[in-house]
Amino acid sequence: MVYDLKQNITGDEQLIRAALNGEPSAFGKIVERYWNMVVALALSKTADPAEAEDIAQESFLKAYSQLPGLRDPSRFAGWLSKITMQQCANSLRRTVRCKTAFGCKSTPIEQLDEQPAITANPGLTQNQVHFVRQRVRRLPEKFRTLIIMRFVAGLSTVKIAEQLGKRPGTVRVRLHRAYKILRKDLAPLSEEVE
């Protein structure tokens, strides 16, 4: 199979087939392509950026180990999203068990602003990035995943629909509802940035 990793001219299906045929660099390209999306999905469930990156790593490891079981390689992003959400749930269970059994403490929400911001928008301060993350985290799950797939992974409405097995119209309606909620919730930030 011939593909050019530098020019990014292959689809997920070709890269997955190459990874299944023993080419680890192909899966590396998939990781590069979806890393930001997976971290953002994890951040939508946990308030700790370091934990979100750990969850992302676990998600990609699980995806790689389960790659032969992927039925439809064209829906990789949706499949990876589900794995990420499961890894988030596993992490939450571990945290609860740790707190119960050993009295472990998690990072207080106030300390998150002290941690470096992971953002594609260098024009926002860490506090502003934290504010945006907090608002996205408050969205209902069905909206949150769509927003992350749209704005972090850069997937089109049609591609999101394909990945999640939904109709494009359903995705457009849900994105519109999510935009409406976010416009209202992010109004204070909009005034601050202007």
N, C-alpha and C. Protein backbone atom coordinates (compact mmCIF):
# COMPACT_ATOMS: atom_id res chain seq x y z
N MET A 1 0.85 -1.17 0.00
CA MET A 1 0.00 0.00 0.00
C MET A 1 0.89 1.23 0.00
N VAL A 2 0.60 2.18 -0.88
CA VAL A 2 1.39 3.39 -0.98
C VAL A 2 0.59 4.54 -0.39
N TYR A 3 1.24 5.27 0.52
CA TYR A 3 0.61 6.47 1.07
C TYR A 3 1.70 7.44 1.47
N ASP A 4 1.34 8.71 1.49
CA ASP A 4 2.30 9.75 1.82
C ASP A 4 1.89 10.39 3.14
N LEU A 5 2.61 10.03 4.21
CA LEU A 5 2.26 10.55 5.53
C LEU A 5 2.52 12.05 5.65
N LYS A 6 3.49 12.58 4.93
CA LYS A 6 3.83 13.99 5.05
C LYS A 6 2.77 14.89 4.42
N GLN A 7 2.17 14.46 3.36
CA GLN A 7 1.20 15.30 2.68
C GLN A 7 -0.22 15.07 3.16
N ASN A 8 -0.46 14.10 4.03
CA ASN A 8 -1.76 13.84 4.62
C ASN A 8 -2.84 13.63 3.55
N ILE A 9 -2.51 12.87 2.51
CA ILE A 9 -3.46 12.67 1.43
C ILE A 9 -4.22 11.36 1.56
N THR A 10 -4.02 10.65 2.64
CA THR A 10 -4.73 9.40 2.82
C THR A 10 -5.86 9.58 3.80
N GLY A 11 -6.85 8.74 3.69
CA GLY A 11 -7.94 8.74 4.63
C GLY A 11 -7.65 7.82 5.79
N ASP A 12 -8.54 7.88 6.77
CA ASP A 12 -8.39 7.02 7.94
C ASP A 12 -8.35 5.55 7.54
N GLU A 13 -9.17 5.19 6.57
CA GLU A 13 -9.25 3.77 6.17
C GLU A 13 -7.90 3.25 5.70
N GLN A 14 -7.22 4.01 4.87
CA GLN A 14 -5.92 3.56 4.35
C GLN A 14 -4.89 3.46 5.48
N LEU A 15 -4.89 4.42 6.36
CA LEU A 15 -3.95 4.39 7.47
C LEU A 15 -4.22 3.21 8.40
N ILE A 16 -5.49 2.93 8.64
CA ILE A 16 -5.84 1.81 9.51
C ILE A 16 -5.42 0.50 8.87
N ARG A 17 -5.68 0.36 7.58
CA ARG A 17 -5.26 -0.86 6.90
C ARG A 17 -3.73 -1.03 6.95
N ALA A 18 -3.02 0.08 6.77
CA ALA A 18 -1.56 0.03 6.84
C ALA A 18 -1.11 -0.36 8.24
N ALA A 19 -1.75 0.19 9.27
CA ALA A 19 -1.39 -0.15 10.66
C ALA A 19 -1.67 -1.63 10.93
N LEU A 20 -2.77 -2.13 10.40
CA LEU A 20 -3.10 -3.55 10.57
C LEU A 20 -2.11 -4.45 9.84
N ASN A 21 -1.50 -3.91 8.79
CA ASN A 21 -0.49 -4.67 8.04
C ASN A 21 0.90 -4.52 8.63
N GLY A 22 1.00 -3.97 9.84
CA GLY A 22 2.28 -3.91 10.53
C GLY A 22 3.09 -2.65 10.32
N GLU A 23 2.47 -1.57 9.89
CA GLU A 23 3.19 -0.32 9.70
C GLU A 23 2.83 0.64 10.85
N PRO A 24 3.63 0.66 11.92
CA PRO A 24 3.31 1.49 13.08
C PRO A 24 3.27 2.98 12.78
N SER A 25 4.01 3.44 11.78
CA SER A 25 3.99 4.87 11.46
C SER A 25 2.61 5.31 10.98
N ALA A 26 1.86 4.39 10.41
CA ALA A 26 0.50 4.73 9.96
C ALA A 26 -0.39 5.03 11.16
N PHE A 27 -0.28 4.23 12.22
CA PHE A 27 -1.08 4.51 13.41
C PHE A 27 -0.58 5.78 14.08
N GLY A 28 0.70 6.06 14.00
CA GLY A 28 1.25 7.31 14.52
C GLY A 28 0.61 8.52 13.86
N LYS A 29 0.37 8.41 12.57
CA LYS A 29 -0.29 9.50 11.84
C LYS A 29 -1.74 9.67 12.32
N ILE A 30 -2.39 8.57 12.62
CA ILE A 30 -3.75 8.64 13.15
C ILE A 30 -3.75 9.33 14.51
N VAL A 31 -2.77 8.99 15.33
CA VAL A 31 -2.65 9.63 16.65
C VAL A 31 -2.47 11.13 16.48
N GLU A 32 -1.59 11.53 15.58
CA GLU A 32 -1.37 12.96 15.32
C GLU A 32 -2.66 13.64 14.88
N ARG A 33 -3.41 12.97 14.03
CA ARG A 33 -4.64 13.53 13.47
C ARG A 33 -5.71 13.74 14.54
N TYR A 34 -5.82 12.82 15.50
CA TYR A 34 -6.93 12.86 16.45
C TYR A 34 -6.52 13.18 17.89
N TRP A 35 -5.24 13.46 18.14
CA TRP A 35 -4.79 13.73 19.50
C TRP A 35 -5.57 14.86 20.16
N ASN A 36 -5.67 16.00 19.50
CA ASN A 36 -6.36 17.15 20.09
C ASN A 36 -7.82 16.84 20.39
N MET A 37 -8.47 16.13 19.50
CA MET A 37 -9.88 15.77 19.73
C MET A 37 -10.01 14.89 20.97
N VAL A 38 -9.15 13.89 21.10
CA VAL A 38 -9.24 12.96 22.22
C VAL A 38 -8.94 13.68 23.54
N VAL A 39 -7.93 14.54 23.55
CA VAL A 39 -7.62 15.29 24.77
C VAL A 39 -8.79 16.21 25.13
N ALA A 40 -9.38 16.86 24.13
CA ALA A 40 -10.52 17.74 24.40
C ALA A 40 -11.71 16.95 24.94
N LEU A 41 -11.96 15.77 24.38
CA LEU A 41 -13.05 14.94 24.91
C LEU A 41 -12.78 14.57 26.36
N ALA A 42 -11.54 14.20 26.66
CA ALA A 42 -11.19 13.84 28.03
C ALA A 42 -11.31 15.06 28.95
N LEU A 43 -10.88 16.22 28.48
CA LEU A 43 -11.01 17.44 29.28
C LEU A 43 -12.47 17.80 29.54
N SER A 44 -13.35 17.39 28.66
CA SER A 44 -14.76 17.67 28.87
C SER A 44 -15.33 16.84 30.02
N LYS A 45 -14.62 15.79 30.40
CA LYS A 45 -15.05 14.92 31.49
C LYS A 45 -14.26 15.14 32.77
N THR A 46 -13.01 15.55 32.65
CA THR A 46 -12.16 15.76 33.81
C THR A 46 -11.62 17.18 33.75
N ALA A 47 -11.38 17.76 34.88
CA ALA A 47 -10.89 19.13 34.91
C ALA A 47 -9.37 19.21 34.95
N ASP A 48 -8.71 18.08 34.89
CA ASP A 48 -7.26 18.04 35.04
C ASP A 48 -6.59 17.76 33.69
N PRO A 49 -5.85 18.74 33.13
CA PRO A 49 -5.20 18.54 31.83
C PRO A 49 -4.24 17.35 31.80
N ALA A 50 -3.51 17.13 32.89
CA ALA A 50 -2.58 15.99 32.92
C ALA A 50 -3.34 14.67 32.87
N GLU A 51 -4.44 14.60 33.60
CA GLU A 51 -5.27 13.39 33.57
C GLU A 51 -5.88 13.20 32.18
N ALA A 52 -6.27 14.30 31.55
CA ALA A 52 -6.85 14.21 30.20
C ALA A 52 -5.83 13.64 29.22
N GLU A 53 -4.57 14.05 29.34
CA GLU A 53 -3.54 13.50 28.46
C GLU A 53 -3.29 12.03 28.75
N ASP A 54 -3.34 11.64 30.04
CA ASP A 54 -3.21 10.22 30.39
C ASP A 54 -4.35 9.41 29.78
N ILE A 55 -5.55 9.94 29.87
CA ILE A 55 -6.72 9.26 29.29
C ILE A 55 -6.55 9.14 27.78
N ALA A 56 -6.03 10.19 27.15
CA ALA A 56 -5.81 10.16 25.70
C ALA A 56 -4.83 9.05 25.34
N GLN A 57 -3.74 8.94 26.09
CA GLN A 57 -2.76 7.89 25.82
C GLN A 57 -3.40 6.51 25.99
N GLU A 58 -4.15 6.33 27.07
CA GLU A 58 -4.82 5.05 27.30
C GLU A 58 -5.82 4.75 26.18
N SER A 59 -6.50 5.78 25.71
CA SER A 59 -7.48 5.60 24.64
C SER A 59 -6.82 5.13 23.35
N PHE A 60 -5.70 5.74 23.01
CA PHE A 60 -5.01 5.33 21.78
C PHE A 60 -4.41 3.94 21.92
N LEU A 61 -3.90 3.61 23.09
CA LEU A 61 -3.38 2.25 23.30
C LEU A 61 -4.50 1.22 23.15
N LYS A 62 -5.66 1.53 23.74
CA LYS A 62 -6.79 0.61 23.64
C LYS A 62 -7.26 0.52 22.18
N ALA A 63 -7.32 1.65 21.51
CA ALA A 63 -7.74 1.65 20.11
C ALA A 63 -6.79 0.80 19.27
N TYR A 64 -5.49 0.96 19.51
CA TYR A 64 -4.51 0.19 18.74
C TYR A 64 -4.68 -1.31 19.00
N SER A 65 -4.88 -1.67 20.26
CA SER A 65 -5.02 -3.10 20.58
C SER A 65 -6.32 -3.68 20.04
N GLN A 66 -7.34 -2.85 19.90
CA GLN A 66 -8.63 -3.32 19.40
C GLN A 66 -8.86 -3.02 17.93
N LEU A 67 -7.86 -2.49 17.27
CA LEU A 67 -7.98 -2.11 15.86
C LEU A 67 -8.46 -3.24 14.96
N PRO A 68 -8.01 -4.48 15.16
CA PRO A 68 -8.51 -5.56 14.29
C PRO A 68 -10.03 -5.77 14.42
N GLY A 69 -10.63 -5.34 15.52
CA GLY A 69 -12.06 -5.50 15.70
C GLY A 69 -12.90 -4.35 15.17
N LEU A 70 -12.25 -3.31 14.65
CA LEU A 70 -12.99 -2.17 14.08
C LEU A 70 -13.70 -2.62 12.81
N ARG A 71 -15.00 -2.56 12.83
CA ARG A 71 -15.80 -3.07 11.69
C ARG A 71 -15.79 -2.12 10.49
N ASP A 72 -15.86 -0.82 10.77
CA ASP A 72 -15.95 0.15 9.68
C ASP A 72 -14.86 1.21 9.87
N PRO A 73 -13.72 1.04 9.20
CA PRO A 73 -12.61 2.00 9.37
C PRO A 73 -12.98 3.44 9.01
N SER A 74 -14.00 3.64 8.20
CA SER A 74 -14.39 5.01 7.84
C SER A 74 -15.03 5.74 9.02
N ARG A 75 -15.39 5.00 10.07
CA ARG A 75 -16.01 5.61 11.25
C ARG A 75 -15.05 5.59 12.44
N PHE A 76 -13.77 5.67 12.16
CA PHE A 76 -12.76 5.58 13.20
C PHE A 76 -12.93 6.65 14.28
N ALA A 77 -13.16 7.90 13.89
CA ALA A 77 -13.26 8.99 14.87
C ALA A 77 -14.40 8.76 15.85
N GLY A 78 -15.54 8.28 15.37
CA GLY A 78 -16.65 7.98 16.26
C GLY A 78 -16.33 6.84 17.21
N TRP A 79 -15.67 5.82 16.67
CA TRP A 79 -15.25 4.66 17.47
C TRP A 79 -14.25 5.10 18.54
N LEU A 80 -13.30 5.93 18.15
CA LEU A 80 -12.30 6.43 19.08
C LEU A 80 -12.95 7.31 20.16
N SER A 81 -13.96 8.07 19.79
CA SER A 81 -14.69 8.89 20.76
C SER A 81 -15.33 8.03 21.83
N LYS A 82 -15.92 6.93 21.41
CA LYS A 82 -16.55 6.01 22.37
C LYS A 82 -15.51 5.38 23.30
N ILE A 83 -14.37 5.00 22.74
CA ILE A 83 -13.30 4.44 23.57
C ILE A 83 -12.84 5.49 24.59
N THR A 84 -12.71 6.73 24.14
CA THR A 84 -12.27 7.80 25.04
C THR A 84 -13.27 8.01 26.17
N MET A 85 -14.54 8.02 25.85
CA MET A 85 -15.56 8.20 26.89
C MET A 85 -15.52 7.04 27.90
N GLN A 86 -15.25 5.83 27.40
CA GLN A 86 -15.14 4.68 28.31
C GLN A 86 -13.91 4.82 29.20
N GLN A 87 -12.80 5.29 28.62
CA GLN A 87 -11.59 5.49 29.41
C GLN A 87 -11.81 6.58 30.46
N CYS A 88 -12.59 7.60 30.13
CA CYS A 88 -12.93 8.64 31.11
C CYS A 88 -13.72 8.05 32.26
N ALA A 89 -14.69 7.21 31.94
CA ALA A 89 -15.49 6.55 32.99
C ALA A 89 -14.60 5.67 33.85
N ASN A 90 -13.69 4.94 33.24
CA ASN A 90 -12.75 4.09 34.00
C ASN A 90 -11.89 4.94 34.93
N SER A 91 -11.41 6.06 34.44
CA SER A 91 -10.58 6.94 35.25
C SER A 91 -11.36 7.50 36.44
N LEU A 92 -12.60 7.87 36.19
CA LEU A 92 -13.45 8.38 37.27
C LEU A 92 -13.67 7.30 38.33
N ARG A 93 -13.92 6.07 37.89
CA ARG A 93 -14.10 4.97 38.85
C ARG A 93 -12.83 4.76 39.68
N ARG A 94 -11.68 4.80 39.02
CA ARG A 94 -10.41 4.64 39.75
C ARG A 94 -10.23 5.75 40.78
N THR A 95 -10.57 6.98 40.41
CA THR A 95 -10.44 8.11 41.31
C THR A 95 -11.35 7.95 42.52
N VAL A 96 -12.58 7.53 42.27
CA VAL A 96 -13.53 7.32 43.37
C VAL A 96 -13.03 6.22 44.30
N ARG A 97 -12.54 5.12 43.71
CA ARG A 97 -12.00 4.02 44.54
C ARG A 97 -10.81 4.49 45.35
N CYS A 98 -9.93 5.27 44.75
CA CYS A 98 -8.75 5.77 45.45
C CYS A 98 -9.16 6.67 46.61
N LYS A 99 -10.10 7.58 46.36
CA LYS A 99 -10.56 8.47 47.43
C LYS A 99 -11.20 7.68 48.56
N THR A 100 -11.98 6.66 48.22
CA THR A 100 -12.66 5.86 49.22
C THR A 100 -11.67 5.02 50.01
N ALA A 101 -10.79 4.36 49.31
CA ALA A 101 -9.88 3.42 49.97
C ALA A 101 -8.71 4.09 50.67
N PHE A 102 -8.13 5.11 50.04
CA PHE A 102 -6.90 5.67 50.56
C PHE A 102 -6.97 7.15 50.93
N GLY A 103 -8.11 7.75 50.71
CA GLY A 103 -8.23 9.17 51.03
C GLY A 103 -7.44 10.06 50.08
N CYS A 104 -7.26 9.63 48.82
CA CYS A 104 -6.52 10.43 47.84
C CYS A 104 -7.27 11.72 47.54
N LYS A 105 -6.53 12.72 47.16
CA LYS A 105 -7.14 14.00 46.82
C LYS A 105 -6.91 14.28 45.34
N SER A 106 -7.89 14.94 44.72
CA SER A 106 -7.74 15.32 43.32
C SER A 106 -7.37 16.81 43.26
N THR A 107 -7.03 17.27 42.08
CA THR A 107 -6.65 18.67 41.90
C THR A 107 -7.87 19.56 42.06
N PRO A 108 -7.82 20.53 42.98
CA PRO A 108 -8.95 21.44 43.12
C PRO A 108 -9.12 22.28 41.86
N ILE A 109 -10.36 22.60 41.54
CA ILE A 109 -10.67 23.34 40.32
C ILE A 109 -9.96 24.69 40.31
N GLU A 110 -9.71 25.28 41.49
CA GLU A 110 -9.05 26.58 41.56
C GLU A 110 -7.61 26.52 41.05
N GLN A 111 -6.96 25.36 41.18
CA GLN A 111 -5.57 25.23 40.76
C GLN A 111 -5.41 25.03 39.26
N LEU A 112 -6.50 24.81 38.56
CA LEU A 112 -6.40 24.54 37.12
C LEU A 112 -5.89 25.74 36.35
N ASP A 113 -6.22 26.94 36.80
CA ASP A 113 -5.76 28.13 36.10
C ASP A 113 -4.25 28.29 36.18
N GLU A 114 -3.62 27.63 37.16
CA GLU A 114 -2.17 27.70 37.31
C GLU A 114 -1.46 26.78 36.32
N GLN A 115 -2.20 25.81 35.76
CA GLN A 115 -1.59 24.85 34.85
C GLN A 115 -1.56 25.43 33.44
N PRO A 116 -0.60 25.01 32.62
CA PRO A 116 -0.50 25.58 31.27
C PRO A 116 -1.74 25.28 30.45
N ALA A 117 -2.15 26.26 29.67
CA ALA A 117 -3.34 26.09 28.83
C ALA A 117 -2.98 25.29 27.58
N ILE A 118 -3.83 24.33 27.25
CA ILE A 118 -3.69 23.59 26.00
C ILE A 118 -4.71 24.21 25.06
N THR A 119 -4.25 24.99 24.14
CA THR A 119 -5.19 25.71 23.28
C THR A 119 -4.60 25.95 21.90
N ALA A 120 -5.48 26.02 20.93
CA ALA A 120 -5.06 26.35 19.58
C ALA A 120 -5.19 27.85 19.34
N ASN A 121 -5.75 28.58 20.33
CA ASN A 121 -5.96 30.01 20.20
C ASN A 121 -5.03 30.75 21.15
N PRO A 122 -3.87 31.18 20.66
CA PRO A 122 -2.92 31.85 21.54
C PRO A 122 -3.40 33.22 22.01
N GLY A 123 -4.50 33.73 21.47
CA GLY A 123 -5.03 35.03 21.88
C GLY A 123 -5.79 35.00 23.19
N LEU A 124 -6.07 33.81 23.72
CA LEU A 124 -6.81 33.71 24.97
C LEU A 124 -5.85 33.48 26.13
N THR A 125 -6.19 34.06 27.26
CA THR A 125 -5.40 33.83 28.47
C THR A 125 -5.78 32.46 29.04
N GLN A 126 -5.00 32.00 30.01
CA GLN A 126 -5.31 30.72 30.65
C GLN A 126 -6.67 30.77 31.33
N ASN A 127 -7.00 31.88 31.96
CA ASN A 127 -8.31 32.01 32.60
C ASN A 127 -9.44 31.94 31.58
N GLN A 128 -9.23 32.56 30.42
CA GLN A 128 -10.25 32.53 29.38
C GLN A 128 -10.41 31.12 28.82
N VAL A 129 -9.29 30.42 28.61
CA VAL A 129 -9.34 29.03 28.13
C VAL A 129 -10.08 28.17 29.16
N HIS A 130 -9.78 28.37 30.43
CA HIS A 130 -10.46 27.62 31.50
C HIS A 130 -11.96 27.90 31.47
N PHE A 131 -12.33 29.16 31.27
CA PHE A 131 -13.73 29.55 31.20
C PHE A 131 -14.45 28.84 30.05
N VAL A 132 -13.80 28.80 28.87
CA VAL A 132 -14.39 28.13 27.71
C VAL A 132 -14.55 26.64 27.99
N ARG A 133 -13.49 26.01 28.52
CA ARG A 133 -13.56 24.57 28.84
C ARG A 133 -14.69 24.29 29.81
N GLN A 134 -14.82 25.13 30.81
CA GLN A 134 -15.87 24.95 31.82
C GLN A 134 -17.25 25.02 31.17
N ARG A 135 -17.44 25.95 30.27
CA ARG A 135 -18.74 26.10 29.60
C ARG A 135 -19.02 24.91 28.69
N VAL A 136 -18.01 24.45 27.96
CA VAL A 136 -18.20 23.27 27.10
C VAL A 136 -18.49 22.04 27.95
N ARG A 137 -17.80 21.91 29.07
CA ARG A 137 -18.00 20.77 29.97
C ARG A 137 -19.43 20.72 30.51
N ARG A 138 -20.08 21.88 30.61
CA ARG A 138 -21.44 21.94 31.14
C ARG A 138 -22.50 21.57 30.10
N LEU A 139 -22.11 21.50 28.84
CA LEU A 139 -23.07 21.12 27.80
C LEU A 139 -23.54 19.69 28.02
N PRO A 140 -24.78 19.39 27.63
CA PRO A 140 -25.22 17.98 27.66
C PRO A 140 -24.30 17.14 26.77
N GLU A 141 -24.08 15.90 27.14
CA GLU A 141 -23.14 14.99 26.45
C GLU A 141 -23.35 14.99 24.94
N LYS A 142 -24.61 14.92 24.49
CA LYS A 142 -24.87 14.82 23.04
C LYS A 142 -24.42 16.07 22.29
N PHE A 143 -24.38 17.22 22.96
CA PHE A 143 -23.89 18.44 22.34
C PHE A 143 -22.38 18.57 22.48
N ARG A 144 -21.86 18.20 23.63
CA ARG A 144 -20.44 18.36 23.94
C ARG A 144 -19.56 17.62 22.94
N THR A 145 -19.89 16.37 22.67
CA THR A 145 -19.09 15.58 21.74
C THR A 145 -19.11 16.19 20.35
N LEU A 146 -20.26 16.68 19.91
CA LEU A 146 -20.37 17.30 18.59
C LEU A 146 -19.51 18.57 18.50
N ILE A 147 -19.57 19.39 19.54
CA ILE A 147 -18.78 20.63 19.55
C ILE A 147 -17.29 20.31 19.47
N ILE A 148 -16.86 19.32 20.23
CA ILE A 148 -15.43 18.96 20.21
C ILE A 148 -15.03 18.38 18.86
N MET A 149 -15.87 17.53 18.30
CA MET A 149 -15.55 16.96 16.99
C MET A 149 -15.52 18.06 15.92
N ARG A 150 -16.38 19.05 16.05
CA ARG A 150 -16.45 20.12 15.06
C ARG A 150 -15.27 21.09 15.19
N PHE A 151 -15.01 21.56 16.40
CA PHE A 151 -14.05 22.65 16.57
C PHE A 151 -12.64 22.20 16.94
N VAL A 152 -12.50 21.05 17.57
CA VAL A 152 -11.16 20.59 17.91
C VAL A 152 -10.62 19.67 16.82
N ALA A 153 -11.45 18.71 16.39
CA ALA A 153 -11.00 17.80 15.33
C ALA A 153 -11.18 18.42 13.94
N GLY A 154 -12.02 19.46 13.83
CA GLY A 154 -12.21 20.13 12.56
C GLY A 154 -13.04 19.33 11.57
N LEU A 155 -13.88 18.42 12.08
CA LEU A 155 -14.69 17.61 11.19
C LEU A 155 -15.92 18.39 10.72
N SER A 156 -16.32 18.16 9.49
CA SER A 156 -17.52 18.81 8.96
C SER A 156 -18.75 18.14 9.56
N THR A 157 -19.89 18.78 9.39
CA THR A 157 -21.15 18.23 9.90
C THR A 157 -21.42 16.86 9.27
N VAL A 158 -21.17 16.75 7.99
CA VAL A 158 -21.40 15.47 7.29
C VAL A 158 -20.46 14.40 7.83
N LYS A 159 -19.19 14.75 8.05
CA LYS A 159 -18.22 13.78 8.55
C LYS A 159 -18.57 13.35 9.98
N ILE A 160 -19.02 14.30 10.81
CA ILE A 160 -19.45 13.95 12.17
C ILE A 160 -20.61 12.98 12.11
N ALA A 161 -21.57 13.26 11.23
CA ALA A 161 -22.73 12.38 11.09
C ALA A 161 -22.28 10.97 10.69
N GLU A 162 -21.36 10.88 9.74
CA GLU A 162 -20.84 9.57 9.32
C GLU A 162 -20.17 8.85 10.48
N GLN A 163 -19.34 9.58 11.23
CA GLN A 163 -18.59 8.98 12.33
C GLN A 163 -19.50 8.46 13.44
N LEU A 164 -20.57 9.19 13.72
CA LEU A 164 -21.46 8.82 14.82
C LEU A 164 -22.67 8.00 14.38
N GLY A 165 -22.79 7.79 13.08
CA GLY A 165 -23.93 7.02 12.58
C GLY A 165 -25.25 7.76 12.72
N LYS A 166 -25.19 9.08 12.59
CA LYS A 166 -26.39 9.93 12.68
C LYS A 166 -26.66 10.54 11.32
N ARG A 167 -27.85 11.10 11.18
CA ARG A 167 -28.18 11.82 9.95
C ARG A 167 -27.57 13.21 10.02
N PRO A 168 -27.09 13.75 8.89
CA PRO A 168 -26.50 15.09 8.90
C PRO A 168 -27.46 16.15 9.45
N GLY A 169 -28.74 16.02 9.15
CA GLY A 169 -29.72 16.97 9.67
C GLY A 169 -29.78 16.96 11.19
N THR A 170 -29.70 15.78 11.78
CA THR A 170 -29.71 15.65 13.24
C THR A 170 -28.48 16.33 13.83
N VAL A 171 -27.33 16.13 13.21
CA VAL A 171 -26.10 16.74 13.69
C VAL A 171 -26.19 18.26 13.58
N ARG A 172 -26.71 18.76 12.45
CA ARG A 172 -26.84 20.21 12.28
C ARG A 172 -27.75 20.82 13.33
N VAL A 173 -28.88 20.17 13.61
CA VAL A 173 -29.81 20.68 14.62
C VAL A 173 -29.16 20.70 15.99
N ARG A 174 -28.47 19.62 16.35
CA ARG A 174 -27.82 19.56 17.67
C ARG A 174 -26.68 20.58 17.77
N LEU A 175 -25.92 20.75 16.69
CA LEU A 175 -24.87 21.76 16.71
C LEU A 175 -25.47 23.16 16.87
N HIS A 176 -26.57 23.41 16.18
CA HIS A 176 -27.24 24.72 16.30
C HIS A 176 -27.68 24.96 17.75
N ARG A 177 -28.25 23.95 18.37
CA ARG A 177 -28.68 24.08 19.77
C ARG A 177 -27.47 24.30 20.69
N ALA A 178 -26.39 23.59 20.42
CA ALA A 178 -25.17 23.76 21.23
C ALA A 178 -24.60 25.17 21.04
N TYR A 179 -24.61 25.68 19.79
CA TYR A 179 -24.12 27.03 19.53
C TYR A 179 -24.93 28.05 20.32
N LYS A 180 -26.23 27.85 20.33
CA LYS A 180 -27.13 28.77 21.02
C LYS A 180 -26.79 28.81 22.52
N ILE A 181 -26.59 27.65 23.11
CA ILE A 181 -26.23 27.57 24.53
C ILE A 181 -24.88 28.24 24.77
N LEU A 182 -23.91 27.91 23.91
CA LEU A 182 -22.56 28.46 24.09
C LEU A 182 -22.52 29.97 23.87
N ARG A 183 -23.29 30.47 22.90
CA ARG A 183 -23.32 31.92 22.68
C ARG A 183 -23.76 32.64 23.95
N LYS A 184 -24.78 32.10 24.57
CA LYS A 184 -25.30 32.69 25.81
C LYS A 184 -24.26 32.56 26.93
N ASP A 185 -23.70 31.37 27.10
CA ASP A 185 -22.75 31.11 28.18
C ASP A 185 -21.42 31.85 28.01
N LEU A 186 -21.01 32.06 26.76
CA LEU A 186 -19.72 32.70 26.49
C LEU A 186 -19.83 34.20 26.27
N ALA A 187 -21.01 34.76 26.44
CA ALA A 187 -21.20 36.20 26.25
C ALA A 187 -20.25 37.03 27.10
N PRO A 188 -20.03 36.68 28.38
CA PRO A 188 -19.07 37.48 29.17
C PRO A 188 -17.66 37.47 28.57
N LEU A 189 -17.23 36.35 28.03
CA LEU A 189 -15.90 36.25 27.43
C LEU A 189 -15.84 37.10 26.16
N SER A 190 -16.91 37.08 25.39
CA SER A 190 -16.97 37.85 24.15
C SER A 190 -16.79 39.32 24.44
N GLU A 191 -17.45 39.81 25.49
CA GLU A 191 -17.32 41.22 25.86
C GLU A 191 -15.90 41.52 26.34
N GLU A 192 -15.30 40.58 27.06
CA GLU A 192 -13.95 40.77 27.60
C GLU A 192 -12.92 40.82 26.48
N VAL A 193 -13.07 39.97 25.45
CA VAL A 193 -12.10 39.89 24.35
C VAL A 193 -12.21 41.13 23.46
N GLU A 194 -13.42 41.62 23.28
CA GLU A 194 -13.60 42.80 22.41
C GLU A 194 -13.07 44.00 23.12
